[in-house]
Amino acid sequence: FTQLSENDYIIDAKMPIDEFKELLGIENIILKDEEDYDTLGGYVFALLGTIPPVGKNFVRHNIAFEIYKAKRNRLIKLKVSKITKQDEDNITNDQRNGQT
């Protein structure tokens, strides 16, 4: 992964989900259908049910996800940002629900 700032990262979609959770300090959070995937890309696919286009963004567990690089049939990299209290007011309900 590449750390862009204190709370912002570019992460390979192949990163193991446990390593991702540790990196962001969310080890105690149980993600949707967590037993069904091993990687960050698998989590995004399980959550959205599709390979989203580049630029798609959504928010889960106070973490903003943006599809940074993808091919037609797989995710390659994601931009991931831990949301601070300051950031919360700027997030739309559509982003929280993965509708952007």
N, C-alpha and C. Protein backbone atom coordinates (compact mmCIF):
# COMPACT_ATOMS: atom_id res chain seq x y z
N PHE A 1 0.83 -1.19 0.00
CA PHE A 1 0.00 0.00 0.00
C PHE A 1 0.87 1.24 0.00
N THR A 2 0.27 2.35 -0.36
CA THR A 2 0.94 3.64 -0.32
C THR A 2 0.15 4.54 0.62
N GLN A 3 0.82 5.12 1.59
CA GLN A 3 0.14 6.04 2.50
C GLN A 3 0.29 7.44 1.94
N LEU A 4 -0.85 8.08 1.64
CA LEU A 4 -0.85 9.42 1.06
C LEU A 4 -0.79 10.50 2.12
N SER A 5 -1.43 10.24 3.24
CA SER A 5 -1.45 11.17 4.38
C SER A 5 -1.78 10.34 5.61
N GLU A 6 -2.01 11.00 6.71
CA GLU A 6 -2.28 10.29 7.96
C GLU A 6 -3.46 9.32 7.84
N ASN A 7 -4.48 9.69 7.07
CA ASN A 7 -5.70 8.88 6.99
C ASN A 7 -6.02 8.37 5.60
N ASP A 8 -5.16 8.59 4.62
CA ASP A 8 -5.46 8.24 3.23
C ASP A 8 -4.43 7.28 2.66
N TYR A 9 -4.94 6.26 1.95
CA TYR A 9 -4.09 5.20 1.42
C TYR A 9 -4.53 4.81 0.02
N ILE A 10 -3.59 4.35 -0.78
CA ILE A 10 -3.88 3.62 -2.01
C ILE A 10 -3.52 2.17 -1.69
N ILE A 11 -4.49 1.28 -1.81
CA ILE A 11 -4.30 -0.10 -1.37
C ILE A 11 -4.60 -1.05 -2.51
N ASP A 12 -3.74 -2.04 -2.67
CA ASP A 12 -3.95 -3.09 -3.66
C ASP A 12 -5.17 -3.91 -3.26
N ALA A 13 -6.03 -4.19 -4.22
CA ALA A 13 -7.25 -4.97 -3.95
C ALA A 13 -6.93 -6.37 -3.45
N LYS A 14 -5.71 -6.85 -3.68
CA LYS A 14 -5.31 -8.18 -3.23
C LYS A 14 -4.90 -8.22 -1.75
N MET A 15 -4.89 -7.06 -1.08
CA MET A 15 -4.49 -7.04 0.33
C MET A 15 -5.42 -7.94 1.13
N PRO A 16 -4.86 -8.83 1.95
CA PRO A 16 -5.71 -9.67 2.81
C PRO A 16 -6.60 -8.81 3.71
N ILE A 17 -7.84 -9.22 3.86
CA ILE A 17 -8.81 -8.42 4.62
C ILE A 17 -8.36 -8.22 6.07
N ASP A 18 -7.73 -9.21 6.66
CA ASP A 18 -7.24 -9.04 8.03
C ASP A 18 -6.17 -7.96 8.11
N GLU A 19 -5.28 -7.92 7.12
CA GLU A 19 -4.23 -6.90 7.09
C GLU A 19 -4.84 -5.51 6.88
N PHE A 20 -5.87 -5.44 6.03
CA PHE A 20 -6.58 -4.18 5.80
C PHE A 20 -7.21 -3.67 7.10
N LYS A 21 -7.89 -4.55 7.81
CA LYS A 21 -8.54 -4.16 9.05
C LYS A 21 -7.52 -3.69 10.09
N GLU A 22 -6.38 -4.37 10.14
CA GLU A 22 -5.32 -3.97 11.07
C GLU A 22 -4.76 -2.59 10.70
N LEU A 23 -4.51 -2.38 9.41
CA LEU A 23 -3.98 -1.10 8.94
C LEU A 23 -4.86 0.07 9.36
N LEU A 24 -6.17 -0.12 9.24
CA LEU A 24 -7.10 0.97 9.55
C LEU A 24 -7.59 0.95 10.99
N GLY A 25 -7.13 -0.01 11.77
CA GLY A 25 -7.51 -0.05 13.18
C GLY A 25 -8.96 -0.45 13.41
N ILE A 26 -9.47 -1.33 12.54
CA ILE A 26 -10.87 -1.77 12.67
C ILE A 26 -10.94 -3.28 12.87
N GLU A 27 -9.97 -3.82 13.58
CA GLU A 27 -9.90 -5.27 13.77
C GLU A 27 -11.15 -5.84 14.43
N ASN A 28 -11.83 -5.06 15.25
CA ASN A 28 -12.99 -5.54 15.99
C ASN A 28 -14.30 -5.43 15.23
N ILE A 29 -14.26 -4.81 14.05
CA ILE A 29 -15.48 -4.67 13.25
C ILE A 29 -15.64 -5.90 12.37
N ILE A 30 -16.84 -6.47 12.38
CA ILE A 30 -17.14 -7.60 11.51
C ILE A 30 -17.75 -7.05 10.23
N LEU A 31 -17.11 -7.32 9.11
CA LEU A 31 -17.57 -6.82 7.83
C LEU A 31 -18.61 -7.76 7.23
N LYS A 32 -19.41 -7.23 6.33
CA LYS A 32 -20.47 -8.00 5.68
C LYS A 32 -19.93 -9.30 5.07
N ASP A 33 -20.55 -10.42 5.42
CA ASP A 33 -20.21 -11.73 4.85
C ASP A 33 -18.71 -12.01 4.89
N GLU A 34 -18.06 -11.63 5.96
CA GLU A 34 -16.59 -11.69 6.05
C GLU A 34 -16.01 -13.08 5.78
N GLU A 35 -16.75 -14.10 6.07
CA GLU A 35 -16.23 -15.45 5.84
C GLU A 35 -16.21 -15.83 4.36
N ASP A 36 -16.81 -15.00 3.50
CA ASP A 36 -16.92 -15.33 2.07
C ASP A 36 -15.79 -14.77 1.20
N TYR A 37 -14.84 -14.04 1.75
CA TYR A 37 -13.76 -13.47 0.95
C TYR A 37 -12.50 -13.35 1.81
N ASP A 38 -11.37 -13.20 1.13
CA ASP A 38 -10.07 -13.11 1.81
C ASP A 38 -9.38 -11.78 1.59
N THR A 39 -9.82 -10.99 0.59
CA THR A 39 -9.10 -9.78 0.21
C THR A 39 -10.00 -8.54 0.26
N LEU A 40 -9.37 -7.38 0.20
CA LEU A 40 -10.12 -6.12 0.15
C LEU A 40 -11.00 -6.07 -1.08
N GLY A 41 -10.48 -6.50 -2.22
CA GLY A 41 -11.28 -6.53 -3.45
C GLY A 41 -12.49 -7.45 -3.31
N GLY A 42 -12.29 -8.58 -2.66
CA GLY A 42 -13.41 -9.50 -2.42
C GLY A 42 -14.47 -8.87 -1.54
N TYR A 43 -14.05 -8.09 -0.55
CA TYR A 43 -15.00 -7.38 0.32
C TYR A 43 -15.84 -6.41 -0.49
N VAL A 44 -15.18 -5.61 -1.34
CA VAL A 44 -15.91 -4.62 -2.14
C VAL A 44 -16.90 -5.34 -3.07
N PHE A 45 -16.46 -6.42 -3.69
CA PHE A 45 -17.36 -7.18 -4.57
C PHE A 45 -18.54 -7.74 -3.78
N ALA A 46 -18.28 -8.30 -2.60
CA ALA A 46 -19.36 -8.85 -1.77
C ALA A 46 -20.34 -7.76 -1.35
N LEU A 47 -19.82 -6.59 -1.08
CA LEU A 47 -20.66 -5.49 -0.63
C LEU A 47 -21.52 -4.92 -1.76
N LEU A 48 -20.92 -4.73 -2.94
CA LEU A 48 -21.62 -4.07 -4.03
C LEU A 48 -22.22 -5.04 -5.05
N GLY A 49 -21.75 -6.28 -5.07
CA GLY A 49 -22.30 -7.28 -5.98
C GLY A 49 -21.84 -7.12 -7.42
N THR A 50 -20.84 -6.30 -7.65
CA THR A 50 -20.33 -6.06 -8.99
C THR A 50 -18.92 -5.49 -8.91
N ILE A 51 -18.23 -5.45 -10.03
CA ILE A 51 -16.96 -4.73 -10.11
C ILE A 51 -17.33 -3.29 -10.47
N PRO A 52 -17.21 -2.38 -9.53
CA PRO A 52 -17.62 -1.01 -9.81
C PRO A 52 -16.63 -0.28 -10.71
N PRO A 53 -17.10 0.76 -11.40
CA PRO A 53 -16.22 1.51 -12.29
C PRO A 53 -15.23 2.38 -11.50
N VAL A 54 -14.15 2.75 -12.15
CA VAL A 54 -13.19 3.68 -11.56
C VAL A 54 -13.92 4.97 -11.19
N GLY A 55 -13.63 5.48 -10.01
CA GLY A 55 -14.27 6.70 -9.53
C GLY A 55 -15.45 6.46 -8.61
N LYS A 56 -16.01 5.26 -8.65
CA LYS A 56 -17.13 4.93 -7.75
C LYS A 56 -16.66 5.09 -6.31
N ASN A 57 -17.48 5.72 -5.48
CA ASN A 57 -17.10 5.85 -4.08
C ASN A 57 -18.28 5.53 -3.18
N PHE A 58 -17.95 5.08 -1.99
CA PHE A 58 -18.96 4.73 -1.00
C PHE A 58 -18.30 4.74 0.37
N VAL A 59 -19.13 4.72 1.39
CA VAL A 59 -18.64 4.80 2.77
C VAL A 59 -19.21 3.64 3.56
N ARG A 60 -18.34 2.98 4.33
CA ARG A 60 -18.74 1.93 5.27
C ARG A 60 -17.87 2.03 6.51
N HIS A 61 -18.48 1.92 7.68
CA HIS A 61 -17.75 1.89 8.96
C HIS A 61 -16.79 3.08 9.10
N ASN A 62 -17.26 4.28 8.69
CA ASN A 62 -16.44 5.50 8.75
C ASN A 62 -15.14 5.39 7.95
N ILE A 63 -15.23 4.64 6.87
CA ILE A 63 -14.12 4.53 5.92
C ILE A 63 -14.67 4.83 4.53
N ALA A 64 -14.04 5.79 3.86
CA ALA A 64 -14.44 6.14 2.49
C ALA A 64 -13.60 5.30 1.52
N PHE A 65 -14.28 4.67 0.59
CA PHE A 65 -13.64 3.86 -0.44
C PHE A 65 -13.86 4.53 -1.79
N GLU A 66 -12.83 4.53 -2.62
CA GLU A 66 -12.97 4.98 -4.00
C GLU A 66 -12.24 3.99 -4.88
N ILE A 67 -12.90 3.57 -5.95
CA ILE A 67 -12.26 2.67 -6.90
C ILE A 67 -11.22 3.48 -7.66
N TYR A 68 -9.96 3.14 -7.49
CA TYR A 68 -8.84 3.90 -8.03
C TYR A 68 -8.36 3.33 -9.35
N LYS A 69 -8.34 1.99 -9.45
CA LYS A 69 -7.92 1.33 -10.68
C LYS A 69 -8.64 -0.01 -10.78
N ALA A 70 -9.19 -0.29 -11.95
CA ALA A 70 -9.91 -1.55 -12.16
C ALA A 70 -9.80 -1.94 -13.63
N LYS A 71 -9.92 -3.23 -13.85
CA LYS A 71 -10.10 -3.76 -15.20
C LYS A 71 -11.54 -4.21 -15.30
N ARG A 72 -11.93 -4.59 -16.44
CA ARG A 72 -13.33 -4.96 -16.68
C ARG A 72 -13.84 -5.99 -15.67
N ASN A 73 -12.99 -6.94 -15.33
CA ASN A 73 -13.48 -8.04 -14.49
C ASN A 73 -12.78 -8.14 -13.13
N ARG A 74 -12.00 -7.09 -12.73
CA ARG A 74 -11.41 -7.16 -11.40
C ARG A 74 -10.94 -5.79 -10.91
N LEU A 75 -10.96 -5.67 -9.60
CA LEU A 75 -10.45 -4.47 -8.95
C LEU A 75 -8.93 -4.59 -8.84
N ILE A 76 -8.24 -3.48 -8.99
CA ILE A 76 -6.78 -3.49 -8.88
C ILE A 76 -6.32 -2.68 -7.66
N LYS A 77 -6.78 -1.45 -7.54
CA LYS A 77 -6.40 -0.59 -6.42
C LYS A 77 -7.59 0.23 -5.95
N LEU A 78 -7.59 0.52 -4.65
CA LEU A 78 -8.62 1.36 -4.07
C LEU A 78 -7.97 2.48 -3.29
N LYS A 79 -8.61 3.65 -3.31
CA LYS A 79 -8.20 4.72 -2.41
C LYS A 79 -9.11 4.59 -1.19
N VAL A 80 -8.50 4.54 -0.02
CA VAL A 80 -9.23 4.32 1.21
C VAL A 80 -8.86 5.43 2.18
N SER A 81 -9.88 6.03 2.80
CA SER A 81 -9.65 7.13 3.74
C SER A 81 -10.44 6.91 5.01
N LYS A 82 -9.74 7.00 6.13
CA LYS A 82 -10.43 6.96 7.42
C LYS A 82 -11.11 8.31 7.60
N ILE A 83 -12.38 8.29 7.94
CA ILE A 83 -13.16 9.51 8.07
C ILE A 83 -13.02 10.06 9.48
N THR A 84 -12.67 11.32 9.54
CA THR A 84 -12.56 12.01 10.82
C THR A 84 -13.89 12.70 11.12
N LYS A 85 -14.04 13.16 12.34
CA LYS A 85 -15.26 13.89 12.71
C LYS A 85 -15.49 15.08 11.78
N GLN A 86 -14.41 15.76 11.38
CA GLN A 86 -14.52 16.91 10.47
C GLN A 86 -15.09 16.48 9.12
N ASP A 87 -14.71 15.30 8.66
CA ASP A 87 -15.15 14.82 7.34
C ASP A 87 -16.61 14.39 7.32
N GLU A 88 -17.16 13.96 8.45
CA GLU A 88 -18.49 13.35 8.49
C GLU A 88 -19.57 14.24 7.90
N ASP A 89 -19.50 15.54 8.10
CA ASP A 89 -20.53 16.44 7.59
C ASP A 89 -20.53 16.54 6.07
N ASN A 90 -19.43 16.16 5.43
CA ASN A 90 -19.33 16.27 3.98
C ASN A 90 -19.79 15.01 3.24
N ILE A 91 -20.18 13.99 3.97
CA ILE A 91 -20.56 12.72 3.35
C ILE A 91 -22.07 12.70 3.12
N THR A 92 -22.47 12.35 1.92
CA THR A 92 -23.88 12.29 1.58
C THR A 92 -24.45 10.93 1.96
N ASN A 93 -25.77 10.87 2.10
CA ASN A 93 -26.42 9.58 2.37
C ASN A 93 -26.20 8.61 1.22
N ASP A 94 -26.14 9.11 -0.02
CA ASP A 94 -25.87 8.23 -1.16
C ASP A 94 -24.51 7.57 -1.03
N GLN A 95 -23.49 8.31 -0.60
CA GLN A 95 -22.18 7.71 -0.41
C GLN A 95 -22.21 6.67 0.70
N ARG A 96 -22.93 6.95 1.77
CA ARG A 96 -23.04 5.98 2.87
C ARG A 96 -23.69 4.68 2.38
N ASN A 97 -24.59 4.81 1.41
CA ASN A 97 -25.32 3.65 0.92
C ASN A 97 -24.75 3.07 -0.37
N GLY A 98 -23.60 3.56 -0.80
CA GLY A 98 -22.96 3.02 -2.01
C GLY A 98 -23.68 3.37 -3.29
N GLN A 99 -24.39 4.50 -3.30
CA GLN A 99 -25.20 4.86 -4.46
C GLN A 99 -24.59 5.93 -5.34
N THR A 100 -23.32 6.26 -5.19
CA THR A 100 -22.73 7.31 -6.01
C THR A 100 -22.01 6.73 -7.20
